[in-house]
């Protein structure tokens, strides 16, 4: 098949959608399909176009045999809604121009959402290129923006809901990152084929036997320190004050060390809070490339995975779960619903704490910190479960079968 991927986010940027799409494209190409990608000039999460791409309107490149087309995008570090919309719509426009010129007629066009507005470009391209559209939903928007309080204007919410549902109707196929997203869309679009396309992991790359604990020693941590790692977006949805509150409750005498690695709109505030309140044992680190992450995870003792206590997140599965379990690191999971069912109840790969409950997190952290055998056993169970259910190779094979089944039906 000839497959086109349309996404605002793609490597060399780091992040969950970037990694997921790149790994999927690589595996589909290895299975004999022809893949091309239309994306923006890399800028996330620093919101500054990478040096090699500055000053360019359009360019094309080959990335590990993938054909990648990039177009200009307006970027700003401002958090205002107008700046965000300008960022989204600048790529909606330039991607439409560039792909209209360069995209060949294909068997399917896969569009990544969010941003939801990129669906406008996808629908245009599907129409003029006579190509079936698969709309891949990683986050239900505008529902998530409304429940997080990021968008409150009723008129904007109504318009974007209409855009969301009309894009679903215009799509030949839909996929969702979690079972909760899939069920939500199926309830509204019962006649559309909807596929569960979860995050996954390359167990060959994230292999605990291939990495040692030198990172922790290079940063001055002692062997007896228990390093609890949060790695990801430091944003509003994660509710990361729970980590600071738990650290304060455990106090300076605890052997736990809380590592917060990443970037995002909440980082400066959280760092200021740690300094002003003298919260002990919380350490901040900047974003690193994919190649460095296994060394950091290998040096940690458990992963902290929190989200805010919202019904919206009952179907959420943060991507950081997969890499940590693949590296045999147990979870301190503050995400109820689907993630709890899969990784705590079924995999038995960690401890659950009520979202935003710092007392519960402190207790769970103290329990894991005091029992290295429990950490090791949970870690082993986690890797076994991940390899059996969330291997990227397995996910790609299932997705390929879904495409061939339904695109074949469409052509007949």
Protein backbone atom coordinates (compact mmCIF):
# COMPACT_ATOMS: atom_id res chain seq x y z
CA UNK A 1 0.00 0.00 0.00
CA UNK A 2 0.94 3.63 -0.47
CA UNK A 3 0.41 5.36 2.88
CA UNK A 4 0.65 9.08 3.66
CA UNK A 5 1.00 10.34 7.24
CA UNK A 6 -0.03 13.92 8.08
CA UNK A 7 1.05 15.16 11.52
CA UNK A 8 2.15 18.46 13.03
CA UNK A 9 4.58 16.53 15.25
CA UNK A 10 7.40 14.23 14.10
CA UNK A 11 11.05 13.49 14.93
CA UNK A 12 13.62 14.91 15.46
CA UNK A 13 11.16 16.34 17.99
CA UNK A 14 10.79 14.24 21.13
CA UNK A 15 7.44 13.22 22.52
CA UNK A 16 4.84 10.47 22.55
CA UNK A 17 3.06 11.17 19.21
CA UNK A 18 6.38 11.76 17.48
CA UNK A 19 7.79 8.43 18.62
CA UNK A 20 4.58 6.50 18.00
CA UNK A 21 4.12 7.71 14.44
CA UNK A 22 7.78 7.30 13.53
CA UNK A 23 7.95 3.76 14.91
CA UNK A 24 4.70 2.79 13.17
CA UNK A 25 5.85 4.25 9.84
CA UNK A 26 9.19 2.43 10.11
CA UNK A 27 7.50 -0.90 10.71
CA UNK A 28 4.90 -0.47 7.98
CA UNK A 29 7.67 0.38 5.52
CA UNK A 30 9.64 -2.67 6.64
CA UNK A 31 6.53 -4.75 5.86
CA UNK A 32 6.66 -3.59 2.25
CA UNK A 33 4.46 -0.47 2.23
CA UNK A 34 5.48 2.88 0.74
CA UNK A 35 5.32 5.63 3.39
CA UNK A 36 5.56 9.40 3.04
CA UNK A 37 5.15 11.93 5.85
CA UNK A 38 3.97 15.54 5.75
CA UNK A 39 4.88 17.44 8.90
CA UNK A 40 6.02 20.79 10.29
CA UNK A 41 9.49 22.21 10.77
CA UNK A 42 10.59 20.66 14.08
CA UNK A 43 10.06 23.01 17.04
CA UNK A 44 8.44 21.14 19.94
CA UNK A 45 8.66 21.35 22.97
CA UNK A 46 10.94 24.42 23.05
CA UNK A 47 8.65 26.19 20.55
CA UNK A 48 11.66 27.27 18.55
CA UNK A 49 12.40 25.93 15.09
CA UNK A 50 15.51 23.77 15.13
CA UNK A 51 18.59 25.49 13.74
CA UNK A 52 18.91 23.34 10.61
CA UNK A 53 15.35 24.23 9.54
CA UNK A 54 15.20 27.95 10.31
CA UNK A 55 14.39 30.27 7.42
CA UNK A 56 12.80 27.51 5.32
CA UNK A 57 9.28 27.52 3.97
CA UNK A 58 9.34 24.00 2.58
CA UNK A 59 11.85 21.17 2.44
CA UNK A 60 12.03 17.44 1.92
CA UNK A 61 14.40 14.89 3.40
CA UNK A 62 14.93 11.19 3.86
CA UNK A 63 14.88 10.00 7.46
CA UNK A 64 16.02 6.39 7.78
CA UNK A 65 14.47 5.63 4.37
CA UNK A 66 11.21 7.49 5.15
CA UNK A 67 10.34 10.32 2.75
CA UNK A 68 9.54 13.34 4.91
CA UNK A 69 8.11 16.66 3.65
CA UNK A 70 8.21 19.65 5.99
CA UNK A 71 6.48 23.00 5.78
CA UNK A 72 6.74 26.28 7.69
CA UNK A 73 4.92 26.77 10.98
CA UNK A 74 4.54 29.86 13.16
CA UNK A 75 5.90 29.24 16.64
CA UNK A 76 5.83 31.24 19.86
CA UNK A 77 6.47 30.52 23.52
CA UNK A 78 3.33 32.49 24.42
CA UNK A 79 0.64 30.45 26.17
CA UNK A 80 -2.23 32.67 24.97
CA UNK A 81 -5.03 30.93 23.07
CA UNK A 82 -4.51 33.25 20.08
CA UNK A 83 -0.87 32.16 19.80
CA UNK A 84 -1.84 28.50 19.97
CA UNK A 85 -4.44 28.92 17.26
CA UNK A 86 -1.97 30.79 15.06
CA UNK A 87 0.48 27.94 15.55
CA UNK A 88 -2.10 25.34 14.53
CA UNK A 89 -3.58 27.19 11.58
CA UNK A 90 -0.24 28.23 10.10
CA UNK A 91 0.57 24.55 9.61
CA UNK A 92 -2.97 23.77 8.45
CA UNK A 93 -2.34 26.24 5.59
CA UNK A 94 1.27 25.44 4.67
CA UNK A 95 0.68 21.68 4.89
CA UNK A 96 -2.31 22.03 2.56
CA UNK A 97 -0.20 23.92 0.01
CA UNK A 98 2.82 21.63 0.17
CA UNK A 99 0.88 18.36 0.18
CA UNK A 100 -1.36 19.53 -2.67
CA UNK A 101 1.80 19.92 -4.75
CA UNK A 102 3.73 16.88 -3.54
CA UNK A 103 1.30 14.23 -2.34
CA UNK A 104 0.61 11.44 -4.79
CA UNK A 105 -2.63 9.54 -4.88
CA UNK A 106 -2.37 6.91 -2.18
CA UNK A 107 -4.28 4.05 -0.63
CA UNK A 108 -4.83 5.87 2.64
CA UNK A 109 -4.08 9.21 4.31
CA UNK A 110 -3.50 8.97 8.08
CA UNK A 111 -4.04 12.25 9.95
CA UNK A 112 -2.91 12.65 13.56
CA UNK A 113 -5.15 14.62 15.94
CA UNK A 114 -4.69 16.76 17.95
CA UNK A 115 -4.52 19.36 16.70
CA UNK A 116 -8.09 18.80 15.57
CA UNK A 117 -7.81 21.61 13.00
CA UNK A 118 -5.38 19.58 10.92
CA UNK A 119 -8.44 17.57 9.96
CA UNK A 120 -9.34 20.47 7.63
CA UNK A 121 -6.15 19.88 5.66
CA UNK A 122 -6.69 16.13 5.71
CA UNK A 123 -10.23 16.43 4.37
CA UNK A 124 -9.06 18.73 1.58
CA UNK A 125 -6.29 16.34 0.57
CA UNK A 126 -8.54 13.29 0.77
CA UNK A 127 -10.98 15.05 -1.56
CA UNK A 128 -8.59 16.35 -4.21
CA UNK A 129 -6.37 13.25 -4.17
CA UNK A 130 -9.33 10.86 -3.98
CA UNK A 131 -7.72 9.08 -1.05
CA UNK A 132 -9.49 7.41 1.90
CA UNK A 133 -8.91 9.24 5.18
CA UNK A 134 -8.03 7.54 8.47
CA UNK A 135 -8.36 10.02 11.33
CA UNK A 136 -6.19 8.96 14.29
CA UNK A 137 -7.37 10.43 17.61
CA UNK A 138 -4.78 10.62 20.38
CA UNK A 139 -6.85 12.96 22.54
CA UNK A 140 -10.56 13.76 22.41
CA UNK A 141 -10.67 17.42 21.48
CA UNK A 142 -12.41 19.75 22.34
CA UNK A 143 -13.67 17.63 25.25
CA UNK A 144 -10.26 17.50 26.94
CA UNK A 145 -9.65 21.23 26.46
CA UNK A 146 -13.02 22.03 28.03
CA UNK A 147 -12.59 19.73 31.04
CA UNK A 148 -9.08 21.01 31.69
CA UNK A 149 -10.40 24.57 31.63
CA UNK A 150 -8.15 25.54 28.69
CA UNK A 151 -11.11 26.60 26.54
CA UNK A 152 -14.22 28.06 28.17
CA UNK A 153 -15.86 30.01 25.35
CA UNK A 154 -19.13 28.19 24.56
CA UNK A 155 -19.19 29.37 20.97
CA UNK A 156 -15.69 28.06 20.29
CA UNK A 157 -16.52 24.76 21.99
CA UNK A 158 -19.67 24.35 19.90
CA UNK A 159 -17.84 25.13 16.65
CA UNK A 160 -14.98 22.76 17.38
CA UNK A 161 -17.38 19.98 18.39
CA UNK A 162 -19.08 20.38 15.02
CA UNK A 163 -15.68 20.23 13.33
CA UNK A 164 -14.75 17.12 15.31
CA UNK A 165 -17.89 15.19 14.44
CA UNK A 166 -17.96 16.29 10.81
CA UNK A 167 -14.35 15.09 10.46
CA UNK A 168 -15.31 11.70 11.88
CA UNK A 169 -18.14 11.49 9.34
CA UNK A 170 -15.80 12.50 6.51
CA UNK A 171 -13.29 9.81 7.43
CA UNK A 172 -13.37 6.35 5.94
CA UNK A 173 -11.70 4.88 9.02
CA UNK A 174 -10.93 6.10 12.54
CA UNK A 175 -8.38 4.96 15.11
CA UNK A 176 -7.97 5.87 18.76
CA UNK A 177 -5.03 5.69 21.13
CA UNK A 178 -6.98 4.19 24.05
CA UNK A 179 -9.96 1.90 24.43
CA UNK A 180 -11.80 4.79 26.09
CA UNK A 181 -11.31 6.99 23.02
CA UNK A 182 -12.41 4.14 20.74
CA UNK A 183 -15.58 3.52 22.78
CA UNK A 184 -16.40 7.24 22.85
CA UNK A 185 -16.14 7.55 19.07
CA UNK A 186 -17.99 4.29 18.40
CA UNK A 187 -20.89 5.46 20.56
CA UNK A 188 -21.24 8.54 18.35
CA UNK A 189 -20.30 6.97 15.01
CA UNK A 190 -21.67 3.39 15.24
CA UNK A 191 -21.28 2.73 11.51
CA UNK A 192 -17.60 3.72 11.29
CA UNK A 193 -14.81 1.13 11.58
CA UNK A 194 -12.75 2.23 14.62
CA UNK A 195 -9.41 0.62 15.52
CA UNK A 196 -7.54 0.67 18.83
CA UNK A 197 -4.04 1.93 17.93
CA UNK A 198 -2.27 2.13 21.30
CA UNK A 199 1.15 3.34 22.21
CA UNK A 200 3.71 0.59 22.49
CA UNK A 201 7.38 -0.03 22.94
CA UNK A 202 10.37 -1.54 21.19
CA UNK A 203 11.48 -4.10 23.74
CA UNK A 204 14.73 -4.59 21.85
CA UNK A 205 15.70 -0.95 22.32
CA UNK A 206 14.35 -0.62 25.87
CA UNK A 207 16.18 -3.67 27.18
CA UNK A 208 17.26 -3.59 30.84
CA UNK A 209 20.18 -5.89 30.08
CA UNK A 210 21.74 -3.30 27.74
CA UNK A 211 22.03 -0.34 30.15
CA UNK A 212 23.66 0.20 33.51
CA UNK A 213 23.13 2.76 36.30
CA UNK A 214 25.98 5.11 35.48
CA UNK A 215 23.62 8.09 34.91
CA UNK A 216 22.68 8.18 38.60
CA UNK A 217 26.29 8.07 39.72
CA UNK A 218 27.31 10.79 37.27
CA UNK A 219 24.69 13.06 38.89
CA UNK A 220 25.81 12.36 42.43
CA UNK A 221 23.04 10.04 43.61
CA UNK A 222 24.03 7.32 46.06
CA UNK A 223 23.37 3.60 45.64
CA UNK A 224 20.97 3.63 48.59
CA UNK A 225 18.88 6.48 47.12
CA UNK A 226 15.57 5.33 45.62
CA UNK A 227 15.03 7.37 42.47
CA UNK A 228 11.39 7.93 41.48
CA UNK A 229 11.23 9.22 37.92
CA UNK A 230 8.63 11.42 36.28
CA UNK A 231 9.57 11.95 32.62
CA UNK A 232 7.25 13.76 30.23
CA UNK A 233 5.32 16.95 29.69
CA UNK A 234 5.30 19.18 32.78
CA UNK A 235 1.85 20.55 32.13
CA UNK A 236 -1.60 21.18 33.56
CA UNK A 237 -3.10 17.77 32.85
CA UNK A 238 -0.47 15.89 34.85
CA UNK A 239 -1.29 17.47 38.21
CA UNK A 240 2.36 17.40 39.26
CA UNK A 241 1.85 19.27 42.51
CA UNK A 242 1.03 15.83 43.92
CA UNK A 243 4.72 14.91 43.62
CA UNK A 244 5.87 18.03 45.45
CA UNK A 245 3.29 17.49 48.18
CA UNK A 246 4.31 13.84 48.60
CA UNK A 247 7.99 14.82 48.79
CA UNK A 248 7.16 17.38 51.49
CA UNK A 249 5.20 14.77 53.46
CA UNK A 250 8.06 12.25 53.39
CA UNK A 251 10.51 14.95 54.45
CA UNK A 252 14.26 15.32 54.27
CA UNK A 253 14.93 12.07 56.12
CA UNK A 254 13.46 9.85 53.41
CA UNK A 255 15.72 7.99 51.01
CA UNK A 256 13.42 8.79 48.07
CA UNK A 257 14.59 11.19 45.38
CA UNK A 258 11.97 12.63 43.01
CA UNK A 259 13.27 13.25 39.48
CA UNK A 260 11.21 15.48 37.17
CA UNK A 261 12.52 15.35 33.63
CA UNK A 262 10.88 17.30 30.83
CA UNK A 263 9.54 20.67 29.75
CA UNK A 264 6.18 22.36 29.75
CA UNK A 265 4.08 25.30 30.93
CA UNK A 266 4.12 24.28 34.62
CA UNK A 267 7.85 23.70 35.03
CA UNK A 268 8.87 27.20 36.12
CA UNK A 269 6.05 27.41 38.65
CA UNK A 270 6.89 24.02 40.15
CA UNK A 271 10.59 24.85 40.36
CA UNK A 272 9.76 28.14 42.09
CA UNK A 273 7.51 26.30 44.53
CA UNK A 274 10.25 23.80 45.43
CA UNK A 275 12.66 26.68 46.09
CA UNK A 276 10.26 28.88 48.05
CA UNK A 277 8.93 26.04 50.22
CA UNK A 278 12.30 24.25 50.56
CA UNK A 279 10.74 20.96 49.49
CA UNK A 280 13.43 18.29 49.86
CA UNK A 281 14.72 15.77 47.34
CA UNK A 282 13.00 17.10 44.18
CA UNK A 283 15.35 17.40 41.20
CA UNK A 284 14.51 18.91 37.81
CA UNK A 285 16.17 17.89 34.53
CA UNK A 286 15.81 19.10 30.96
CA UNK A 287 14.42 17.13 28.00
CA UNK A 288 16.82 14.58 26.52
CA UNK A 289 16.87 12.67 23.25
CA UNK A 290 15.45 9.19 22.85
CA UNK A 291 18.89 7.58 22.93
CA UNK A 292 19.53 8.90 26.45
CA UNK A 293 16.24 7.81 28.02
CA UNK A 294 17.11 4.13 28.60
CA UNK A 295 20.16 5.17 30.64
CA UNK A 296 18.01 7.43 32.82
CA UNK A 297 15.26 4.84 33.27
CA UNK A 298 17.87 2.18 34.05
CA UNK A 299 19.24 4.43 36.79
CA UNK A 300 15.82 4.94 38.37
CA UNK A 301 13.96 2.58 40.71
CA UNK A 302 10.33 3.29 39.81
CA UNK A 303 8.24 5.51 37.55
CA UNK A 304 5.71 8.05 38.82
CA UNK A 305 2.79 8.45 36.39
CA UNK A 306 0.16 10.94 37.59
CA UNK A 307 -2.79 12.71 35.97
CA UNK A 308 -5.39 15.03 37.41
CA UNK A 309 -8.51 13.49 38.95
CA UNK A 310 -10.92 13.98 36.04
CA UNK A 311 -13.36 11.56 34.41
CA UNK A 312 -11.71 12.59 31.15
CA UNK A 313 -8.62 10.58 32.13
CA UNK A 314 -10.37 7.32 32.98
CA UNK A 315 -9.49 6.23 29.45
CA UNK A 316 -5.96 7.68 29.38
CA UNK A 317 -2.78 5.63 29.02
CA UNK A 318 0.30 7.87 29.35
CA UNK A 319 3.04 6.74 26.97
CA UNK A 320 5.75 6.82 29.64
CA UNK A 321 4.24 3.65 31.11
CA UNK A 322 5.51 1.50 28.26
CA UNK A 323 9.18 2.47 28.29
CA UNK A 324 9.44 2.12 32.06
CA UNK A 325 7.78 -1.29 32.17
CA UNK A 326 9.93 -2.48 29.28
CA UNK A 327 12.95 -1.53 31.41
CA UNK A 328 11.52 -3.53 34.34
CA UNK A 329 10.66 -0.46 36.42
CA UNK A 330 7.48 -0.65 38.55
CA UNK A 331 4.84 2.06 38.44
CA UNK A 332 3.49 4.47 41.00
CA UNK A 333 0.33 5.01 38.98
CA UNK A 334 -1.99 7.92 39.73
CA UNK A 335 -4.28 7.28 36.74
CA UNK A 336 -7.59 5.52 37.37
CA UNK A 337 -9.66 3.61 34.85
CA UNK A 338 -8.16 1.90 31.81
CA UNK A 339 -4.51 2.31 32.81
CA UNK A 340 -5.17 0.97 36.32
CA UNK A 341 -7.02 -2.05 34.92
CA UNK A 342 -4.27 -2.93 32.45
CA UNK A 343 -1.09 -2.28 34.38
CA UNK A 344 -2.03 -2.66 38.05
CA UNK A 345 -4.91 -5.18 38.07
CA UNK A 346 -3.84 -7.31 35.11
CA UNK A 347 -0.06 -6.87 34.87
CA UNK A 348 0.47 -6.38 38.64
CA UNK A 349 3.34 -4.09 37.68
CA UNK A 350 3.11 -1.40 40.34
CA UNK A 351 1.07 0.37 42.98
CA UNK A 352 -1.98 2.57 42.39
CA UNK A 353 -2.58 5.82 44.24
CA UNK A 354 -5.67 7.98 44.00
CA UNK A 355 -5.05 10.82 41.51
CA UNK A 356 -4.07 14.10 43.20
CA UNK A 357 -3.88 12.37 46.60
CA UNK A 358 -0.40 13.22 47.89
CA UNK A 359 -0.84 11.22 51.10
CA UNK A 360 -1.57 8.07 49.07
CA UNK A 361 1.42 8.73 46.81
CA UNK A 362 3.72 9.25 49.80
CA UNK A 363 2.57 5.96 51.32
CA UNK A 364 3.01 4.05 48.06
CA UNK A 365 6.43 5.61 47.49
CA UNK A 366 7.56 4.67 50.99
CA UNK A 367 6.33 1.10 50.46
CA UNK A 368 8.29 0.66 47.23
CA UNK A 369 11.34 2.44 48.62
CA UNK A 370 11.47 -0.02 51.50
CA UNK A 371 11.14 -3.22 49.47
CA UNK A 372 13.64 -3.79 46.66
CA UNK A 373 12.38 -7.36 46.09
CA UNK A 374 8.88 -6.05 45.46
CA UNK A 375 10.22 -3.48 42.99
CA UNK A 376 12.14 -6.14 41.09
CA UNK A 377 9.24 -8.59 40.92
CA UNK A 378 6.80 -5.92 39.75
CA UNK A 379 9.33 -4.80 37.15
CA UNK A 380 9.73 -8.32 35.76
CA UNK A 381 5.97 -8.78 35.54
CA UNK A 382 5.65 -5.44 33.77
CA UNK A 383 8.15 -6.29 31.04
CA UNK A 384 6.52 -9.68 30.45
CA UNK A 385 3.09 -8.05 30.11
CA UNK A 386 4.33 -5.30 27.80
CA UNK A 387 6.12 -7.71 25.46
CA UNK A 388 3.00 -9.86 25.17
CA UNK A 389 0.52 -7.05 24.58
CA UNK A 390 2.18 -3.78 23.53
CA UNK A 391 5.08 -4.67 21.26
CA UNK A 392 5.37 -2.14 18.44
CA UNK A 393 5.83 -4.99 15.96
CA UNK A 394 2.59 -6.60 17.11
CA UNK A 395 0.69 -3.29 16.95
CA UNK A 396 1.96 -2.58 13.42
CA UNK A 397 0.91 -6.03 12.22
CA UNK A 398 -2.60 -5.60 13.65
CA UNK A 399 -2.92 -2.13 12.13
CA UNK A 400 -1.79 -3.42 8.75
CA UNK A 401 -4.46 -6.14 8.88
CA UNK A 402 -7.13 -3.54 9.77
CA UNK A 403 -6.15 -1.35 6.83
CA UNK A 404 -6.09 -4.23 4.36
CA UNK A 405 -9.44 -5.55 5.55
CA UNK A 406 -11.36 -2.28 5.39
CA UNK A 407 -9.64 -0.65 2.43
CA UNK A 408 -10.21 -3.86 0.53
CA UNK A 409 -13.89 -3.74 1.40
CA UNK A 410 -14.04 -0.11 0.28
CA UNK A 411 -12.53 -0.90 -3.13
CA UNK A 412 -14.79 -3.87 -3.82
